[in-house]
PDB file of N, CA and C in Angstrom:
ATOM      1  N   UNK A   1      96.442 104.668  65.675  1.00  0.00           N
ATOM      2  CA  UNK A   1      96.623 103.866  64.474  1.00  0.00           C
ATOM      3  C   UNK A   1      98.028 103.271  64.458  1.00  0.00           C
ATOM      4  N   UNK A   2      99.030 104.110  64.719  1.00  0.00           N
ATOM      5  CA  UNK A   2     100.412 103.639  64.688  1.00  0.00           C
ATOM      6  C   UNK A   2     100.679 102.538  65.694  1.00  0.00           C
ATOM      7  N   UNK A   3     100.135 102.694  66.905  1.00  0.00           N
ATOM      8  CA  UNK A   3     100.324 101.681  67.945  1.00  0.00           C
ATOM      9  C   UNK A   3      99.764 100.335  67.486  1.00  0.00           C
ATOM     10  N   UNK A   4      98.562 100.329  66.962  1.00  0.00           N
ATOM     11  CA  UNK A   4      97.930  99.080  66.527  1.00  0.00           C
ATOM     12  C   UNK A   4      98.681  98.445  65.357  1.00  0.00           C
ATOM     13  N   UNK A   5      99.104  99.252  64.400  1.00  0.00           N
ATOM     14  CA  UNK A   5      99.867  98.730  63.264  1.00  0.00           C
ATOM     15  C   UNK A   5     101.190  98.149  63.746  1.00  0.00           C
ATOM     16  N   UNK A   6     101.850  98.832  64.670  1.00  0.00           N
ATOM     17  CA  UNK A   6     103.124  98.338  65.209  1.00  0.00           C
ATOM     18  C   UNK A   6     102.941  96.993  65.891  1.00  0.00           C
ATOM     19  N   UNK A   7     101.898  96.863  66.692  1.00  0.00           N
ATOM     20  CA  UNK A   7     101.624  95.587  67.362  1.00  0.00           C
ATOM     21  C   UNK A   7     101.376  94.475  66.340  1.00  0.00           C
ATOM     22  N   UNK A   8     100.598  94.775  65.316  1.00  0.00           N
ATOM     23  CA  UNK A   8     100.281  93.764  64.302  1.00  0.00           C
ATOM     24  C   UNK A   8     101.523  93.342  63.527  1.00  0.00           C
ATOM     25  N   UNK A   9     102.338  94.300  63.113  1.00  0.00           N
ATOM     26  CA  UNK A   9     103.559  93.962  62.379  1.00  0.00           C
ATOM     27  C   UNK A   9     104.515  93.145  63.240  1.00  0.00           C
ATOM     28  N   UNK A  10     104.644  93.512  64.502  1.00  0.00           N
ATOM     29  CA  UNK A  10     105.508  92.749  65.409  1.00  0.00           C
ATOM     30  C   UNK A  10     104.973  91.332  65.590  1.00  0.00           C
ATOM     31  N   UNK A  11     103.659  91.192  65.694  1.00  0.00           N
ATOM     32  CA  UNK A  11     103.057  89.862  65.838  1.00  0.00           C
ATOM     33  C   UNK A  11     103.307  89.005  64.601  1.00  0.00           C
ATOM     34  N   UNK A  12     103.471  89.651  63.455  1.00  0.00           N
ATOM     35  CA  UNK A  12     103.760  88.934  62.209  1.00  0.00           C
ATOM     36  C   UNK A  12     105.249  88.659  62.020  1.00  0.00           C
ATOM     37  N   UNK A  13     106.066  89.098  62.987  1.00  0.00           N
ATOM     38  CA  UNK A  13     107.492  88.794  62.947  1.00  0.00           C
ATOM     39  C   UNK A  13     108.406  89.941  62.569  1.00  0.00           C
ATOM     40  N   UNK A  14     107.855  91.106  62.318  1.00  0.00           N
ATOM     41  CA  UNK A  14     108.689  92.254  61.945  1.00  0.00           C
ATOM     42  C   UNK A  14     109.404  92.828  63.163  1.00  0.00           C
ATOM     43  N   UNK A  15     110.580  93.357  62.935  1.00  0.00           N
ATOM     44  CA  UNK A  15     111.235  94.202  63.927  1.00  0.00           C
ATOM     45  C   UNK A  15     110.742  95.611  63.646  1.00  0.00           C
ATOM     46  N   UNK A  16     110.148  96.229  64.642  1.00  0.00           N
ATOM     47  CA  UNK A  16     109.481  97.513  64.447  1.00  0.00           C
ATOM     48  C   UNK A  16     110.319  98.651  65.024  1.00  0.00           C
ATOM     49  N   UNK A  17     110.595  99.649  64.202  1.00  0.00           N
ATOM     50  CA  UNK A  17     111.241 100.884  64.652  1.00  0.00           C
ATOM     51  C   UNK A  17     110.125 101.903  64.865  1.00  0.00           C
ATOM     52  N   UNK A  18     109.850 102.202  66.105  1.00  0.00           N
ATOM     53  CA  UNK A  18     108.773 103.121  66.457  1.00  0.00           C
ATOM     54  C   UNK A  18     109.305 104.552  66.427  1.00  0.00           C
ATOM     55  N   UNK A  19     108.691 105.409  65.640  1.00  0.00           N
ATOM     56  CA  UNK A  19     109.146 106.793  65.506  1.00  0.00           C
ATOM     57  C   UNK A  19     108.010 107.734  65.898  1.00  0.00           C
ATOM     58  N   UNK A  20     108.339 108.719  66.702  1.00  0.00           N
ATOM     59  CA  UNK A  20     107.359 109.715  67.117  1.00  0.00           C
ATOM     60  C   UNK A  20     108.028 110.798  67.929  1.00  0.00           C
ATOM     61  N   UNK A  21     107.260 111.796  68.313  1.00  0.00           N
ATOM     62  CA  UNK A  21     107.827 112.923  69.051  1.00  0.00           C
ATOM     63  C   UNK A  21     107.916 112.687  70.553  1.00  0.00           C
ATOM     64  N   UNK A  22     107.121 111.763  71.099  1.00  0.00           N
ATOM     65  CA  UNK A  22     107.020 111.625  72.548  1.00  0.00           C
ATOM     66  C   UNK A  22     107.709 110.352  73.024  1.00  0.00           C
ATOM     67  N   UNK A  23     108.899 110.485  73.611  1.00  0.00           N
ATOM     68  CA  UNK A  23     109.654 109.302  74.043  1.00  0.00           C
ATOM     69  C   UNK A  23     108.866 108.377  74.974  1.00  0.00           C
ATOM     70  N   UNK A  24     108.099 108.939  75.879  1.00  0.00           N
ATOM     71  CA  UNK A  24     107.353 108.113  76.834  1.00  0.00           C
ATOM     72  C   UNK A  24     106.336 107.221  76.132  1.00  0.00           C
ATOM     73  N   UNK A  25     105.643 107.758  75.156  1.00  0.00           N
ATOM     74  CA  UNK A  25     104.670 106.957  74.405  1.00  0.00           C
ATOM     75  C   UNK A  25     105.375 105.861  73.611  1.00  0.00           C
ATOM     76  N   UNK A  26     106.491 106.202  72.990  1.00  0.00           N
ATOM     77  CA  UNK A  26     107.252 105.210  72.229  1.00  0.00           C
ATOM     78  C   UNK A  26     107.751 104.098  73.138  1.00  0.00           C
ATOM     79  N   UNK A  27     108.269 104.471  74.307  1.00  0.00           N
ATOM     80  CA  UNK A  27     108.768 103.478  75.264  1.00  0.00           C
ATOM     81  C   UNK A  27     107.657 102.537  75.713  1.00  0.00           C
ATOM     82  N   UNK A  28     106.473 103.082  75.946  1.00  0.00           N
ATOM     83  CA  UNK A  28     105.333 102.266  76.375  1.00  0.00           C
ATOM     84  C   UNK A  28     104.971 101.235  75.316  1.00  0.00           C
ATOM     85  N   UNK A  29     104.872 101.667  74.071  1.00  0.00           N
ATOM     86  CA  UNK A  29     104.507 100.744  72.989  1.00  0.00           C
ATOM     87  C   UNK A  29     105.607  99.709  72.771  1.00  0.00           C
ATOM     88  N   UNK A  30     106.857 100.132  72.816  1.00  0.00           N
ATOM     89  CA  UNK A  30     107.968  99.183  72.657  1.00  0.00           C
ATOM     90  C   UNK A  30     107.913  98.120  73.750  1.00  0.00           C
ATOM     91  N   UNK A  31     107.645  98.535  74.979  1.00  0.00           N
ATOM     92  CA  UNK A  31     107.562  97.585  76.089  1.00  0.00           C
ATOM     93  C   UNK A  31     106.391  96.624  75.902  1.00  0.00           C
ATOM     94  N   UNK A  32     105.247  97.130  75.468  1.00  0.00           N
ATOM     95  CA  UNK A  32     104.087  96.271  75.206  1.00  0.00           C
ATOM     96  C   UNK A  32     104.436  95.203  74.173  1.00  0.00           C
ATOM     97  N   UNK A  33     105.093  95.620  73.107  1.00  0.00           N
ATOM     98  CA  UNK A  33     105.453  94.688  72.034  1.00  0.00           C
ATOM     99  C   UNK A  33     106.445  93.653  72.543  1.00  0.00           C
ATOM    100  N   UNK A  34     107.438  94.084  73.285  1.00  0.00           N
ATOM    101  CA  UNK A  34     108.433  93.150  73.833  1.00  0.00           C
ATOM    102  C   UNK A  34     107.785  92.151  74.785  1.00  0.00           C
ATOM    103  N   UNK A  35     106.862  92.627  75.610  1.00  0.00           N
ATOM    104  CA  UNK A  35     106.173  91.732  76.547  1.00  0.00           C
ATOM    105  C   UNK A  35     105.323  90.701  75.823  1.00  0.00           C
ATOM    106  N   UNK A  36     104.927  90.999  74.595  1.00  0.00           N
ATOM    107  CA  UNK A  36     104.162  90.061  73.772  1.00  0.00           C
ATOM    108  C   UNK A  36     105.064  89.160  72.942  1.00  0.00           C
ATOM    109  N   UNK A  37     106.382  89.296  73.130  1.00  0.00           N
ATOM    110  CA  UNK A  37     107.325  88.457  72.400  1.00  0.00           C
ATOM    111  C   UNK A  37     107.834  89.062  71.106  1.00  0.00           C
ATOM    112  N   UNK A  38     107.481  90.298  70.831  1.00  0.00           N
ATOM    113  CA  UNK A  38     107.913  90.946  69.596  1.00  0.00           C
ATOM    114  C   UNK A  38     109.191  91.743  69.773  1.00  0.00           C
ATOM    115  N   UNK A  39     109.629  92.323  68.673  1.00  0.00           N
ATOM    116  CA  UNK A  39     110.848  93.144  68.673  1.00  0.00           C
ATOM    117  C   UNK A  39     110.487  94.562  68.237  1.00  0.00           C
ATOM    118  N   UNK A  40     110.835  95.518  69.097  1.00  0.00           N
ATOM    119  CA  UNK A  40     110.550  96.919  68.788  1.00  0.00           C
ATOM    120  C   UNK A  40     111.531  97.814  69.523  1.00  0.00           C
ATOM    121  N   UNK A  41     111.938  98.874  68.854  1.00  0.00           N
ATOM    122  CA  UNK A  41     112.816  99.869  69.459  1.00  0.00           C
ATOM    123  C   UNK A  41     112.224 101.254  69.226  1.00  0.00           C
ATOM    124  N   UNK A  42     112.253 102.104  70.256  1.00  0.00           N
ATOM    125  CA  UNK A  42     111.729 103.460  70.117  1.00  0.00           C
ATOM    126  C   UNK A  42     112.778 104.430  69.579  1.00  0.00           C
ATOM    127  N   UNK A  43     112.363 105.311  68.695  1.00  0.00           N
ATOM    128  CA  UNK A  43     113.241 106.325  68.117  1.00  0.00           C
ATOM    129  C   UNK A  43     112.523 107.672  68.114  1.00  0.00           C
ATOM    130  N   UNK A  44     112.709 108.481  69.156  1.00  0.00           N
ATOM    131  CA  UNK A  44     112.084 109.804  69.166  1.00  0.00           C
ATOM    132  C   UNK A  44     112.650 110.680  68.046  1.00  0.00           C
ATOM    133  N   UNK A  45     111.771 111.369  67.341  1.00  0.00           N
ATOM    134  CA  UNK A  45     112.216 112.231  66.245  1.00  0.00           C
ATOM    135  C   UNK A  45     111.081 113.166  65.841  1.00  0.00           C
ATOM    136  N   UNK A  46     111.435 114.380  65.493  1.00  0.00           N
ATOM    137  CA  UNK A  46     110.493 115.313  64.891  1.00  0.00           C
ATOM    138  C   UNK A  46     110.633 115.156  63.382  1.00  0.00           C
ATOM    139  N   UNK A  47     109.673 114.500  62.755  1.00  0.00           N
ATOM    140  CA  UNK A  47     109.794 114.212  61.323  1.00  0.00           C
ATOM    141  C   UNK A  47     109.673 115.457  60.448  1.00  0.00           C
ATOM    142  N   UNK A  48     109.401 116.607  61.042  1.00  0.00           N
ATOM    143  CA  UNK A  48     109.388 117.868  60.291  1.00  0.00           C
ATOM    144  C   UNK A  48     110.806 118.385  60.040  1.00  0.00           C
ATOM    145  N   UNK A  49     111.770 117.833  60.755  1.00  0.00           N
ATOM    146  CA  UNK A  49     113.158 118.306  60.724  1.00  0.00           C
ATOM    147  C   UNK A  49     113.988 117.395  59.821  1.00  0.00           C
ATOM    148  N   UNK A  50     114.377 117.897  58.655  1.00  0.00           N
ATOM    149  CA  UNK A  50     115.078 117.077  57.659  1.00  0.00           C
ATOM    150  C   UNK A  50     116.374 116.481  58.198  1.00  0.00           C
ATOM    151  N   UNK A  51     117.168 117.265  58.906  1.00  0.00           N
ATOM    152  CA  UNK A  51     118.424 116.747  59.463  1.00  0.00           C
ATOM    153  C   UNK A  51     118.158 115.665  60.504  1.00  0.00           C
ATOM    154  N   UNK A  52     117.130 115.851  61.308  1.00  0.00           N
ATOM    155  CA  UNK A  52     116.785 114.848  62.317  1.00  0.00           C
ATOM    156  C   UNK A  52     116.344 113.545  61.656  1.00  0.00           C
ATOM    157  N   UNK A  53     115.580 113.649  60.571  1.00  0.00           N
ATOM    158  CA  UNK A  53     115.127 112.450  59.854  1.00  0.00           C
ATOM    159  C   UNK A  53     116.313 111.727  59.224  1.00  0.00           C
ATOM    160  N   UNK A  54     117.234 112.458  58.625  1.00  0.00           N
ATOM    161  CA  UNK A  54     118.426 111.847  58.028  1.00  0.00           C
ATOM    162  C   UNK A  54     119.229 111.093  59.084  1.00  0.00           C
ATOM    163  N   UNK A  55     119.422 111.716  60.238  1.00  0.00           N
ATOM    164  CA  UNK A  55     120.150 111.058  61.333  1.00  0.00           C
ATOM    165  C   UNK A  55     119.380 109.853  61.856  1.00  0.00           C
ATOM    166  N   UNK A  56     118.071 109.978  61.940  1.00  0.00           N
ATOM    167  CA  UNK A  56     117.223 108.877  62.408  1.00  0.00           C
ATOM    168  C   UNK A  56     117.362 107.657  61.507  1.00  0.00           C
ATOM    169  N   UNK A  57     117.243 107.854  60.213  1.00  0.00           N
ATOM    170  CA  UNK A  57     117.322 106.727  59.277  1.00  0.00           C
ATOM    171  C   UNK A  57     118.689 106.060  59.370  1.00  0.00           C
ATOM    172  N   UNK A  58     119.746 106.846  59.473  1.00  0.00           N
ATOM    173  CA  UNK A  58     121.091 106.275  59.618  1.00  0.00           C
ATOM    174  C   UNK A  58     121.181 105.430  60.886  1.00  0.00           C
ATOM    175  N   UNK A  59     120.586 105.908  61.958  1.00  0.00           N
ATOM    176  CA  UNK A  59     120.607 105.177  63.228  1.00  0.00           C
ATOM    177  C   UNK A  59     119.819 103.865  63.127  1.00  0.00           C
ATOM    178  N   UNK A  60     118.657 103.915  62.502  1.00  0.00           N
ATOM    179  CA  UNK A  60     117.838 102.707  62.344  1.00  0.00           C
ATOM    180  C   UNK A  60     118.547 101.691  61.454  1.00  0.00           C
ATOM    181  N   UNK A  61     119.116 102.143  60.346  1.00  0.00           N
ATOM    182  CA  UNK A  61     119.831 101.233  59.437  1.00  0.00           C
ATOM    183  C   UNK A  61     121.046 100.631  60.133  1.00  0.00           C
ATOM    184  N   UNK A  62     121.754 101.416  60.925  1.00  0.00           N
ATOM    185  CA  UNK A  62     122.913 100.891  61.658  1.00  0.00           C
ATOM    186  C   UNK A  62     122.494  99.819  62.657  1.00  0.00           C
ATOM    187  N   UNK A  63     121.339  99.982  63.257  1.00  0.00           N
ATOM    188  CA  UNK A  63     120.872  99.027  64.271  1.00  0.00           C
ATOM    189  C   UNK A  63     120.211  97.792  63.673  1.00  0.00           C
ATOM    190  N   UNK A  64     119.518  97.957  62.538  1.00  0.00           N
ATOM    191  CA  UNK A  64     118.673  96.872  62.033  1.00  0.00           C
ATOM    192  C   UNK A  64     118.938  96.465  60.588  1.00  0.00           C
ATOM    193  N   UNK A  65     119.797  97.167  59.885  1.00  0.00           N
ATOM    194  CA  UNK A  65     119.974  96.887  58.463  1.00  0.00           C
ATOM    195  C   UNK A  65     118.945  97.653  57.654  1.00  0.00           C
ATOM    196  N   UNK A  66     118.801  97.281  56.405  1.00  0.00           N
ATOM    197  CA  UNK A  66     117.917  98.041  55.515  1.00  0.00           C
ATOM    198  C   UNK A  66     116.469  98.017  55.998  1.00  0.00           C
ATOM    199  N   UNK A  67     115.760  99.063  55.646  1.00  0.00           N
ATOM    200  CA  UNK A  67     114.340  99.178  55.982  1.00  0.00           C
ATOM    201  C   UNK A  67     113.546  98.495  54.873  1.00  0.00           C
ATOM    202  N   UNK A  68     112.696  97.547  55.257  1.00  0.00           N
ATOM    203  CA  UNK A  68     111.902  96.812  54.273  1.00  0.00           C
ATOM    204  C   UNK A  68     110.540  97.440  54.006  1.00  0.00           C
ATOM    205  N   UNK A  69     110.024  98.180  54.971  1.00  0.00           N
ATOM    206  CA  UNK A  69     108.695  98.779  54.810  1.00  0.00           C
ATOM    207  C   UNK A  69     108.581 100.013  55.689  1.00  0.00           C
ATOM    208  N   UNK A  70     107.710 100.913  55.295  1.00  0.00           N
ATOM    209  CA  UNK A  70     107.452 102.130  56.061  1.00  0.00           C
ATOM    210  C   UNK A  70     105.951 102.307  56.197  1.00  0.00           C
ATOM    211  N   UNK A  71     105.499 102.523  57.409  1.00  0.00           N
ATOM    212  CA  UNK A  71     104.111 102.900  57.653  1.00  0.00           C
ATOM    213  C   UNK A  71     104.145 104.380  58.027  1.00  0.00           C
ATOM    214  N   UNK A  72     103.699 105.200  57.129  1.00  0.00           N
ATOM    215  CA  UNK A  72     103.734 106.652  57.312  1.00  0.00           C
ATOM    216  C   UNK A  72     102.364 107.096  57.804  1.00  0.00           C
ATOM    217  N   UNK A  73     102.169 107.156  59.121  1.00  0.00           N
ATOM    218  CA  UNK A  73     100.848 107.512  59.613  1.00  0.00           C
ATOM    219  C   UNK A  73     100.835 108.742  60.514  1.00  0.00           C
ATOM    220  N   UNK A  74     101.906 109.506  60.508  1.00  0.00           N
ATOM    221  CA  UNK A  74     101.905 110.744  61.291  1.00  0.00           C
ATOM    222  C   UNK A  74     100.915 111.717  60.669  1.00  0.00           C
ATOM    223  N   UNK A  75     100.208 112.412  61.495  1.00  0.00           N
ATOM    224  CA  UNK A  75      99.271 113.391  60.973  1.00  0.00           C
ATOM    225  C   UNK A  75      98.523 114.078  62.089  1.00  0.00           C
ATOM    226  N   UNK A  76      97.927 115.156  61.742  1.00  0.00           N
ATOM    227  CA  UNK A  76      97.151 115.890  62.721  1.00  0.00           C
ATOM    228  C   UNK A  76      96.348 116.985  62.049  1.00  0.00           C
ATOM    229  N   UNK A  77      95.470 117.576  62.811  1.00  0.00           N
ATOM    230  CA  UNK A  77      94.633 118.655  62.316  1.00  0.00           C
ATOM    231  C   UNK A  77      94.095 119.408  63.515  1.00  0.00           C
ATOM    232  N   UNK A  78      93.839 120.661  63.343  1.00  0.00           N
ATOM    233  CA  UNK A  78      93.206 121.450  64.388  1.00  0.00           C
ATOM    234  C   UNK A  78      91.696 121.375  64.180  1.00  0.00           C
ATOM    235  N   UNK A  79      90.957 120.972  65.199  1.00  0.00           N
ATOM    236  CA  UNK A  79      89.499 120.874  65.038  1.00  0.00           C
ATOM    237  C   UNK A  79      88.861 122.269  65.060  1.00  0.00           C
ATOM    238  N   UNK A  80      88.907 122.934  63.931  1.00  0.00           N
ATOM    239  CA  UNK A  80      88.323 124.271  63.839  1.00  0.00           C
ATOM    240  C   UNK A  80      87.892 124.530  62.403  1.00  0.00           C
ATOM    241  N   UNK A  81      87.078 125.534  62.257  1.00  0.00           N
ATOM    242  CA  UNK A  81      86.694 125.953  60.919  1.00  0.00           C
ATOM    243  C   UNK A  81      87.914 126.536  60.214  1.00  0.00           C
ATOM    244  N   UNK A  82      87.967 126.403  58.921  1.00  0.00           N
ATOM    245  CA  UNK A  82      89.092 126.928  58.157  1.00  0.00           C
ATOM    246  C   UNK A  82      89.294 128.422  58.420  1.00  0.00           C
ATOM    247  N   UNK A  83      88.216 129.166  58.525  1.00  0.00           N
ATOM    248  CA  UNK A  83      88.319 130.610  58.754  1.00  0.00           C
ATOM    249  C   UNK A  83      88.950 130.936  60.103  1.00  0.00           C
ATOM    250  N   UNK A  84      88.939 129.966  61.023  1.00  0.00           N
ATOM    251  CA  UNK A  84      89.517 130.170  62.353  1.00  0.00           C
ATOM    252  C   UNK A  84      90.919 129.587  62.490  1.00  0.00           C
ATOM    253  N   UNK A  85      91.439 128.989  61.426  1.00  0.00           N
ATOM    254  CA  UNK A  85      92.767 128.372  61.462  1.00  0.00           C
ATOM    255  C   UNK A  85      93.821 129.415  61.114  1.00  0.00           C
ATOM    256  N   UNK A  86      94.813 129.544  61.973  1.00  0.00           N
ATOM    257  CA  UNK A  86      95.886 130.513  61.725  1.00  0.00           C
ATOM    258  C   UNK A  86      96.853 129.981  60.670  1.00  0.00           C
ATOM    259  N   UNK A  87      97.614 130.872  60.102  1.00  0.00           N
ATOM    260  CA  UNK A  87      98.647 130.474  59.138  1.00  0.00           C
ATOM    261  C   UNK A  87      99.651 129.542  59.813  1.00  0.00           C
ATOM    262  N   UNK A  88     100.032 129.849  61.054  1.00  0.00           N
ATOM    263  CA  UNK A  88     100.974 129.011  61.794  1.00  0.00           C
ATOM    264  C   UNK A  88     100.401 127.601  61.986  1.00  0.00           C
ATOM    265  N   UNK A  89      99.134 127.509  62.328  1.00  0.00           N
ATOM    266  CA  UNK A  89      98.490 126.202  62.481  1.00  0.00           C
ATOM    267  C   UNK A  89      98.449 125.434  61.175  1.00  0.00           C
ATOM    268  N   UNK A  90      98.112 126.135  60.094  1.00  0.00           N
ATOM    269  CA  UNK A  90      98.077 125.526  58.766  1.00  0.00           C
ATOM    270  C   UNK A  90      99.450 124.981  58.380  1.00  0.00           C
ATOM    271  N   UNK A  91     100.492 125.785  58.605  1.00  0.00           N
ATOM    272  CA  UNK A  91     101.856 125.362  58.289  1.00  0.00           C
ATOM    273  C   UNK A  91     102.265 124.147  59.119  1.00  0.00           C
ATOM    274  N   UNK A  92     101.870 124.098  60.374  1.00  0.00           N
ATOM    275  CA  UNK A  92     102.200 122.951  61.229  1.00  0.00           C
ATOM    276  C   UNK A  92     101.566 121.673  60.693  1.00  0.00           C
ATOM    277  N   UNK A  93     100.315 121.773  60.251  1.00  0.00           N
ATOM    278  CA  UNK A  93      99.631 120.606  59.680  1.00  0.00           C
ATOM    279  C   UNK A  93     100.342 120.148  58.409  1.00  0.00           C
ATOM    280  N   UNK A  94     100.679 121.080  57.532  1.00  0.00           N
ATOM    281  CA  UNK A  94     101.380 120.719  56.293  1.00  0.00           C
ATOM    282  C   UNK A  94     102.742 120.097  56.575  1.00  0.00           C
ATOM    283  N   UNK A  95     103.471 120.666  57.523  1.00  0.00           N
ATOM    284  CA  UNK A  95     104.796 120.145  57.852  1.00  0.00           C
ATOM    285  C   UNK A  95     104.722 118.709  58.361  1.00  0.00           C
ATOM    286  N   UNK A  96     103.733 118.391  59.169  1.00  0.00           N
ATOM    287  CA  UNK A  96     103.605 117.026  59.680  1.00  0.00           C
ATOM    288  C   UNK A  96     102.994 116.102  58.637  1.00  0.00           C
ATOM    289  N   UNK A  97     101.833 116.485  58.120  1.00  0.00           N
ATOM    290  CA  UNK A  97     101.071 115.588  57.253  1.00  0.00           C
ATOM    291  C   UNK A  97     101.700 115.378  55.879  1.00  0.00           C
ATOM    292  N   UNK A  98     102.357 116.389  55.348  1.00  0.00           N
ATOM    293  CA  UNK A  98     102.936 116.273  54.010  1.00  0.00           C
ATOM    294  C   UNK A  98     104.457 116.190  54.034  1.00  0.00           C
ATOM    295  N   UNK A  99     105.093 117.227  54.547  1.00  0.00           N
ATOM    296  CA  UNK A  99     106.555 117.263  54.515  1.00  0.00           C
ATOM    297  C   UNK A  99     107.162 116.136  55.338  1.00  0.00           C
ATOM    298  N   UNK A 100     106.649 115.901  56.525  1.00  0.00           N
ATOM    299  CA  UNK A 100     107.182 114.824  57.366  1.00  0.00           C
ATOM    300  C   UNK A 100     107.075 113.463  56.692  1.00  0.00           C
ATOM    301  N   UNK A 101     105.935 113.196  56.094  1.00  0.00           N
ATOM    302  CA  UNK A 101     105.759 111.935  55.373  1.00  0.00           C
ATOM    303  C   UNK A 101     106.712 111.812  54.197  1.00  0.00           C
ATOM    304  N   UNK A 102     106.888 112.914  53.469  1.00  0.00           N
ATOM    305  CA  UNK A 102     107.831 112.940  52.349  1.00  0.00           C
ATOM    306  C   UNK A 102     109.253 112.656  52.823  1.00  0.00           C
ATOM    307  N   UNK A 103     109.678 113.344  53.891  1.00  0.00           N
ATOM    308  CA  UNK A 103     111.047 113.159  54.388  1.00  0.00           C
ATOM    309  C   UNK A 103     111.288 111.720  54.835  1.00  0.00           C
ATOM    310  N   UNK A 104     110.314 111.130  55.487  1.00  0.00           N
ATOM    311  CA  UNK A 104     110.475 109.743  55.939  1.00  0.00           C
ATOM    312  C   UNK A 104     110.523 108.776  54.751  1.00  0.00           C
ATOM    313  N   UNK A 105     109.687 108.989  53.767  1.00  0.00           N
ATOM    314  CA  UNK A 105     109.648 108.087  52.609  1.00  0.00           C
ATOM    315  C   UNK A 105     110.894 108.212  51.744  1.00  0.00           C
ATOM    316  N   UNK A 106     111.415 109.408  51.638  1.00  0.00           N
ATOM    317  CA  UNK A 106     112.584 109.636  50.793  1.00  0.00           C
ATOM    318  C   UNK A 106     113.803 108.954  51.373  1.00  0.00           C
TER     319      UNK A 106
END
C-alpha cells in the first residue's frame, strides 16, 4: 500500500519521504520514483521508538521544510487465532499499528 501511495503522490508532484524499517526496500522504491521523474528520499526508522521518530522528523524537516501531509499506513498482524497469539506478539502489533502511528502523527 505504501509503495503505491508513494508512487501516486510523487506522480502528482509531491516530494515523498519514505519511512520504514528496511533500508533496501526504501531504496528500491525511492529509485523507482526517481526513475519516473519524481522526488523521493528514503528514511529508515523504527516508528515504535519515540526518540527515533523525533530525530526522523527533525531530519526530514531539515531536508525538505515543513511536512504538508502524512500517510500513516504502517501496520501488521500475526495470522493466527487470538487464543494462539502471545502477549509479546500482541504488544508488537499495538506498538506498530497504534503507537507508531500516533508518534508519527504527533
